[in-house]
Amino acid sequence: MKPLIIIVGPTAVGKTALGIALAQALNGEIISGDSVQIYRKLNIGSAKPTLEEQANIPHYLLDILDPDEPFTVAQFQSLAKKHIQDIQSRDKVPIVVGGTGLYIRSLLDPFEFPQQGSEEVRESWQKFLAKWGKEALHSELAKRDPESAKRLHPNDTVRIIRALEVSQLAGKPYSEVRGNHDLHYPPLDPSIVYVGLTAPRDIIYERINLRCEKMIEAGLLEETLGLIKEGYSPKLKPLQSIGYRHALMYLFGKVTREEMIRLFQRDTRHFAKRQLTWFRRDPRLTWFDTYKEKPASILESIIATCNRIQSRLE
């Protein structure tokens, strides 16, 4: 059996480049572990690898849904596991690349997600949100489930509503339904190479500020406007993700262009900080500093680890 490589870390740290380099060196294929790249037409704001960057390497879980189609962690878990099995069955190396923490944990650990829901309950919380706002919604979650409220940002209204829905239906906090998986890190299967990329905070923030500016230059505003002209609601979950919601603020005249860029950069930096906090809790990760270590050195180290694993498995 081939090893399974998983590459995580904050945005703008170099995950995409490393994943492609490993795929080229190890006859690998890439599975996206990003919650926005899964949508068609959301290219610039999701930092989706271009066709040139993909370098003729098969990529999975990119561009499989329209922006108005719902997608859950449970669906990701099922689809990604199928792709992993298929890639390994063809004697190739699956490489999962992404920064969506819960997506990655769903592959590593025995996460089970509540599937049953109630349209009526969900709609009642959506009406609450529309009337009272996201801060009030988050406060309601804090009353019913303090643990989930600590974990979820007030802007993440989709997951907050899901937590409230499950809590109401189950008669107990969503965090109890989920269990303690988030803080429990069992040993990994010996075939898994779990890699984290990092860099000094000021370097990451500098890269983020530059990336945001380049996204605007590359046409993020035009991409977002095109989606609205096609009839997609600005309230859709993917259009409320970082970058797109900032573009919408500008397009609807709520902020100036300069303020939009400032908020875009600030919120992306905050997001990167939350990503690092999530991943640094996991003691099973092997970390590489992309600022202090040369890409070739990181690549060689991971390849050597894969070769050792493959020898043991064979």
Protein backbone atom coordinates (compact mmCIF):
# COMPACT_ATOMS: atom_id res chain seq x y z
CA MET A 1 0.00 0.00 0.00
CA LYS A 2 1.12 3.54 -0.74
CA PRO A 3 1.43 6.11 2.04
CA LEU A 4 -1.21 8.79 2.56
CA ILE A 5 0.25 12.30 2.75
CA ILE A 6 -1.73 15.09 4.42
CA ILE A 7 -0.43 18.68 4.23
CA VAL A 8 -1.97 21.34 6.48
CA GLY A 9 -1.16 24.81 7.74
CA PRO A 10 -2.36 28.41 7.55
CA THR A 11 -3.28 30.17 4.35
CA ALA A 12 -0.42 31.51 2.20
CA VAL A 13 2.18 29.22 3.77
CA GLY A 14 2.94 27.17 0.64
CA LYS A 15 0.73 24.07 0.87
CA THR A 16 -0.28 24.04 -2.80
CA ALA A 17 3.30 24.24 -4.11
CA LEU A 18 4.49 21.46 -1.81
CA GLY A 19 1.58 19.22 -2.70
CA ILE A 20 2.26 19.56 -6.42
CA ALA A 21 6.01 18.98 -5.95
CA LEU A 22 5.31 15.81 -3.96
CA ALA A 23 2.80 14.57 -6.51
CA GLN A 24 5.37 15.03 -9.27
CA ALA A 25 8.08 13.22 -7.29
CA LEU A 26 5.97 10.35 -5.94
CA ASN A 27 3.48 9.66 -8.75
CA GLY A 28 0.78 11.19 -6.59
CA GLU A 29 -2.68 12.64 -7.01
CA ILE A 30 -4.11 15.50 -4.98
CA ILE A 31 -7.32 15.79 -2.97
CA SER A 32 -8.37 19.28 -1.89
CA GLY A 33 -9.12 19.69 1.81
CA ASP A 34 -10.53 23.19 1.41
CA SER A 35 -14.18 24.04 2.08
CA VAL A 36 -14.43 26.77 -0.60
CA GLN A 37 -12.36 25.31 -3.44
CA ILE A 38 -14.99 22.62 -3.79
CA TYR A 39 -17.26 25.17 -5.54
CA ARG A 40 -17.22 25.95 -9.22
CA LYS A 41 -16.77 29.62 -10.23
CA LEU A 42 -15.09 30.51 -6.92
CA ASN A 43 -11.53 30.52 -8.18
CA ILE A 44 -9.63 33.65 -7.22
CA GLY A 45 -11.04 34.15 -3.72
CA SER A 46 -10.51 30.49 -2.76
CA ALA A 47 -6.87 30.53 -3.97
CA LYS A 48 -7.75 27.55 -6.12
CA PRO A 49 -4.73 26.18 -8.01
CA THR A 50 -4.87 27.19 -11.67
CA LEU A 51 -4.70 24.65 -14.47
CA GLU A 52 -1.07 25.66 -14.96
CA GLU A 53 -0.33 25.12 -11.27
CA GLN A 54 -2.04 21.75 -11.33
CA ALA A 55 0.60 20.74 -13.89
CA ASN A 56 -1.49 17.89 -15.34
CA ILE A 57 -1.72 16.22 -11.92
CA PRO A 58 -5.21 14.85 -11.15
CA HIS A 59 -6.97 16.96 -8.52
CA TYR A 60 -10.12 15.86 -6.69
CA LEU A 61 -12.83 17.75 -4.76
CA LEU A 62 -12.23 20.89 -6.84
CA ASP A 63 -15.10 22.39 -8.82
CA ILE A 64 -17.67 19.69 -8.03
CA LEU A 65 -20.57 21.87 -6.81
CA ASP A 66 -22.34 25.06 -7.81
CA PRO A 67 -22.20 27.86 -5.22
CA ASP A 68 -25.81 27.30 -4.13
CA GLU A 69 -25.39 23.58 -3.42
CA PRO A 70 -24.95 22.60 0.25
CA PHE A 71 -21.95 20.58 1.37
CA THR A 72 -21.12 19.11 4.77
CA VAL A 73 -18.09 17.71 6.56
CA ALA A 74 -19.77 14.30 6.46
CA GLN A 75 -19.97 14.51 2.67
CA PHE A 76 -16.34 15.54 2.45
CA GLN A 77 -15.32 12.66 4.69
CA SER A 78 -17.15 10.13 2.52
CA LEU A 79 -15.94 11.47 -0.83
CA ALA A 80 -12.34 12.00 0.26
CA LYS A 81 -12.05 8.47 1.67
CA LYS A 82 -13.37 7.04 -1.60
CA HIS A 83 -10.80 9.02 -3.57
CA ILE A 84 -8.00 7.91 -1.24
CA GLN A 85 -8.94 4.26 -1.70
CA ASP A 86 -9.21 4.68 -5.48
CA ILE A 87 -5.84 6.41 -5.78
CA GLN A 88 -4.10 3.78 -3.65
CA SER A 89 -5.78 0.98 -5.61
CA ARG A 90 -4.03 2.32 -8.70
CA ASP A 91 -0.67 2.21 -6.91
CA LYS A 92 -0.42 5.97 -6.66
CA VAL A 93 0.09 8.24 -3.63
CA PRO A 94 -2.90 10.25 -2.37
CA ILE A 95 -1.96 13.72 -1.13
CA VAL A 96 -4.57 15.72 0.81
CA VAL A 97 -3.85 19.45 0.78
CA GLY A 98 -5.91 21.93 2.74
CA GLY A 99 -6.43 24.18 5.70
CA THR A 100 -9.99 23.31 6.76
CA GLY A 101 -9.24 21.73 10.13
CA LEU A 102 -12.42 19.72 10.65
CA TYR A 103 -12.21 18.29 7.13
CA ILE A 104 -8.73 16.98 7.87
CA ARG A 105 -9.68 15.56 11.28
CA SER A 106 -12.61 13.73 9.69
CA LEU A 107 -10.08 11.73 7.67
CA LEU A 108 -7.65 11.06 10.48
CA ASP A 109 -9.96 10.16 13.34
CA PRO A 110 -13.27 8.30 13.89
CA PHE A 111 -15.47 11.36 13.57
CA GLU A 112 -19.18 10.71 13.20
CA PHE A 113 -21.45 13.57 12.27
CA PRO A 114 -25.13 13.94 13.12
CA GLN A 115 -27.01 13.50 9.85
CA GLN A 116 -30.61 14.06 10.84
CA GLY A 117 -31.92 17.60 10.90
CA SER A 118 -35.11 19.57 10.90
CA GLU A 119 -35.95 22.08 8.18
CA GLU A 120 -38.42 23.75 10.54
CA VAL A 121 -35.90 24.19 13.37
CA ARG A 122 -33.20 25.37 10.95
CA GLU A 123 -35.51 27.94 9.39
CA SER A 124 -36.50 29.27 12.82
CA TRP A 125 -32.85 30.00 13.61
CA GLN A 126 -32.34 31.53 10.18
CA LYS A 127 -35.24 33.88 10.88
CA PHE A 128 -33.70 34.67 14.29
CA LEU A 129 -30.45 35.56 12.53
CA ALA A 130 -32.21 37.78 10.00
CA LYS A 131 -34.06 39.65 12.76
CA TRP A 132 -31.43 39.95 15.50
CA GLY A 133 -28.06 39.50 13.79
CA LYS A 134 -25.06 37.21 14.10
CA GLU A 135 -23.90 38.44 17.52
CA ALA A 136 -27.27 37.62 19.06
CA LEU A 137 -27.24 34.23 17.35
CA HIS A 138 -23.80 33.48 18.78
CA SER A 139 -25.01 34.58 22.24
CA GLU A 140 -27.88 32.09 22.00
CA LEU A 141 -25.39 29.33 21.27
CA ALA A 142 -23.24 30.44 24.21
CA LYS A 143 -26.27 30.05 26.52
CA ARG A 144 -27.03 26.54 25.29
CA ASP A 145 -23.58 25.23 24.46
CA PRO A 146 -20.62 27.28 25.77
CA GLU A 147 -18.07 24.82 24.37
CA SER A 148 -19.34 25.11 20.82
CA ALA A 149 -19.64 28.89 21.18
CA LYS A 150 -15.95 29.10 22.09
CA ARG A 151 -15.04 27.06 19.04
CA LEU A 152 -17.19 28.91 16.49
CA HIS A 153 -16.59 32.48 15.34
CA PRO A 154 -19.71 34.72 15.30
CA ASN A 155 -19.32 35.09 11.52
CA ASP A 156 -19.68 31.32 11.05
CA THR A 157 -23.46 31.50 11.13
CA VAL A 158 -23.99 28.28 9.15
CA ARG A 159 -22.18 26.14 11.74
CA ILE A 160 -23.74 28.09 14.63
CA ILE A 161 -27.22 27.37 13.26
CA ARG A 162 -26.25 23.71 12.79
CA ALA A 163 -25.08 23.52 16.42
CA LEU A 164 -28.29 25.14 17.67
CA GLU A 165 -30.38 22.84 15.49
CA VAL A 166 -28.69 19.66 16.72
CA SER A 167 -28.76 20.84 20.34
CA GLN A 168 -32.49 21.55 20.13
CA LEU A 169 -33.29 18.21 18.49
CA ALA A 170 -30.99 16.14 20.71
CA GLY A 171 -31.97 17.86 23.93
CA LYS A 172 -28.33 18.37 24.88
CA PRO A 173 -25.43 20.55 23.73
CA TYR A 174 -24.00 19.89 20.29
CA SER A 175 -20.56 19.53 21.87
CA GLU A 176 -21.86 16.54 23.85
CA VAL A 177 -23.35 15.01 20.71
CA ARG A 178 -19.99 15.36 18.97
CA GLY A 179 -18.08 14.07 21.97
CA ASN A 180 -14.47 14.97 22.79
CA HIS A 181 -13.00 14.10 19.41
CA ASP A 182 -11.64 17.60 18.87
CA LEU A 183 -9.26 17.30 21.82
CA HIS A 184 -8.45 13.59 21.52
CA TYR A 185 -5.59 12.60 19.26
CA PRO A 186 -5.23 8.82 18.94
CA PRO A 187 -2.17 7.33 17.21
CA LEU A 188 -2.25 7.55 13.44
CA ASP A 189 -2.16 4.64 11.04
CA PRO A 190 1.52 3.99 10.20
CA SER A 191 0.84 4.72 6.51
CA ILE A 192 -0.05 8.37 7.19
CA VAL A 193 2.49 11.17 6.69
CA TYR A 194 0.96 14.15 8.48
CA VAL A 195 2.79 17.38 7.63
CA GLY A 196 2.27 20.91 8.93
CA LEU A 197 3.73 23.98 7.25
CA THR A 198 4.42 27.15 9.19
CA ALA A 199 6.54 30.32 9.13
CA PRO A 200 7.20 33.23 11.50
CA ARG A 201 3.97 35.12 12.11
CA ASP A 202 5.20 38.37 10.56
CA ILE A 203 6.23 36.50 7.42
CA ILE A 204 2.84 34.77 7.15
CA TYR A 205 1.06 38.09 7.65
CA GLU A 206 3.25 39.76 5.02
CA ARG A 207 2.45 36.98 2.54
CA ILE A 208 -1.25 37.27 3.35
CA ASN A 209 -1.31 41.04 2.80
CA LEU A 210 0.39 40.60 -0.57
CA ARG A 211 -1.86 37.70 -1.56
CA CYS A 212 -4.99 39.72 -0.83
CA GLU A 213 -3.75 42.57 -3.01
CA LYS A 214 -2.90 40.14 -5.82
CA MET A 215 -6.39 38.59 -5.59
CA ILE A 216 -7.94 42.01 -6.10
CA GLU A 217 -5.62 42.68 -9.03
CA ALA A 218 -6.43 39.26 -10.51
CA GLY A 219 -10.15 40.06 -10.62
CA LEU A 220 -11.76 39.03 -7.31
CA LEU A 221 -14.24 41.91 -7.54
CA GLU A 222 -15.20 40.98 -11.11
CA GLU A 223 -15.49 37.29 -10.18
CA THR A 224 -17.82 38.14 -7.28
CA LEU A 225 -19.91 40.54 -9.37
CA GLY A 226 -20.27 37.87 -12.04
CA LEU A 227 -21.72 35.46 -9.49
CA ILE A 228 -24.28 38.04 -8.35
CA LYS A 229 -25.24 38.79 -11.97
CA GLU A 230 -25.80 35.06 -12.50
CA GLY A 231 -28.40 35.21 -9.75
CA TYR A 232 -26.51 33.72 -6.80
CA SER A 233 -27.57 35.16 -3.46
CA PRO A 234 -24.87 37.09 -1.58
CA LYS A 235 -26.07 35.28 1.56
CA LEU A 236 -24.89 31.88 0.29
CA LYS A 237 -22.33 30.25 2.58
CA PRO A 238 -19.45 30.24 0.05
CA LEU A 239 -20.10 33.90 -0.78
CA GLN A 240 -19.80 34.74 2.91
CA SER A 241 -16.30 33.26 3.05
CA ILE A 242 -13.23 35.47 3.39
CA GLY A 243 -12.57 37.52 0.29
CA TYR A 244 -15.99 37.15 -1.24
CA ARG A 245 -17.84 38.78 1.63
CA HIS A 246 -15.35 41.66 1.52
CA ALA A 247 -15.81 42.05 -2.21
CA LEU A 248 -19.58 42.15 -1.66
CA MET A 249 -19.22 44.85 0.98
CA TYR A 250 -17.46 47.02 -1.59
CA LEU A 251 -19.75 46.14 -4.48
CA PHE A 252 -22.83 47.04 -2.42
CA GLY A 253 -21.27 50.37 -1.41
CA LYS A 254 -20.80 49.60 2.28
CA VAL A 255 -17.06 50.34 2.35
CA THR A 256 -14.47 52.08 0.21
CA ARG A 257 -11.99 50.07 -1.84
CA GLU A 258 -9.20 50.89 0.61
CA GLU A 259 -11.30 49.82 3.61
CA MET A 260 -12.34 46.65 1.83
CA ILE A 261 -8.71 45.68 1.25
CA ARG A 262 -7.80 46.50 4.87
CA LEU A 263 -10.62 44.34 6.23
CA PHE A 264 -9.84 41.55 3.75
CA GLN A 265 -6.21 41.45 4.90
CA ARG A 266 -7.12 41.73 8.59
CA ASP A 267 -9.71 38.97 8.52
CA THR A 268 -7.43 36.69 6.52
CA ARG A 269 -4.69 37.20 9.12
CA HIS A 270 -7.17 36.36 11.88
CA PHE A 271 -8.23 33.26 9.98
CA ALA A 272 -4.63 32.13 9.61
CA LYS A 273 -4.15 32.57 13.34
CA ARG A 274 -7.19 30.35 14.04
CA GLN A 275 -5.86 27.75 11.61
CA LEU A 276 -2.51 27.64 13.40
CA THR A 277 -4.20 27.38 16.79
CA TRP A 278 -6.29 24.42 15.56
CA PHE A 279 -3.41 22.52 14.00
CA ARG A 280 -0.84 23.22 16.72
CA ARG A 281 -3.01 21.37 19.21
CA ASP A 282 -2.38 18.15 17.29
CA PRO A 283 0.82 16.50 18.59
CA ARG A 284 0.95 14.07 15.68
CA LEU A 285 2.00 16.69 13.15
CA THR A 286 5.55 16.98 11.81
CA TRP A 287 6.18 20.68 11.28
CA PHE A 288 8.32 22.38 8.64
CA ASP A 289 9.16 26.10 8.59
CA THR A 290 8.83 27.28 4.99
CA TYR A 291 10.80 30.45 5.79
CA LYS A 292 13.81 28.83 7.45
CA GLU A 293 13.94 25.61 5.39
CA LYS A 294 14.41 25.43 1.64
CA PRO A 295 11.56 23.84 -0.35
CA ALA A 296 13.93 21.18 -1.72
CA SER A 297 14.97 20.20 1.80
CA ILE A 298 11.34 19.86 2.97
CA LEU A 299 10.54 17.85 -0.13
CA GLU A 300 13.47 15.49 0.38
CA SER A 301 12.58 14.91 4.02
CA ILE A 302 8.97 13.98 3.25
CA ILE A 303 9.99 11.74 0.36
CA ALA A 304 12.43 9.92 2.64
CA THR A 305 9.67 9.39 5.19
CA CYS A 306 7.36 8.02 2.49
CA ASN A 307 10.05 5.63 1.27
CA ARG A 308 10.58 4.29 4.80
CA ILE A 309 6.85 3.81 5.28
CA GLN A 310 6.43 2.06 1.97
CA SER A 311 9.31 -0.31 2.78
CA ARG A 312 7.69 -1.20 6.12
CA LEU A 313 4.25 -1.68 4.58
CA GLU A 314 5.60 -3.90 1.83
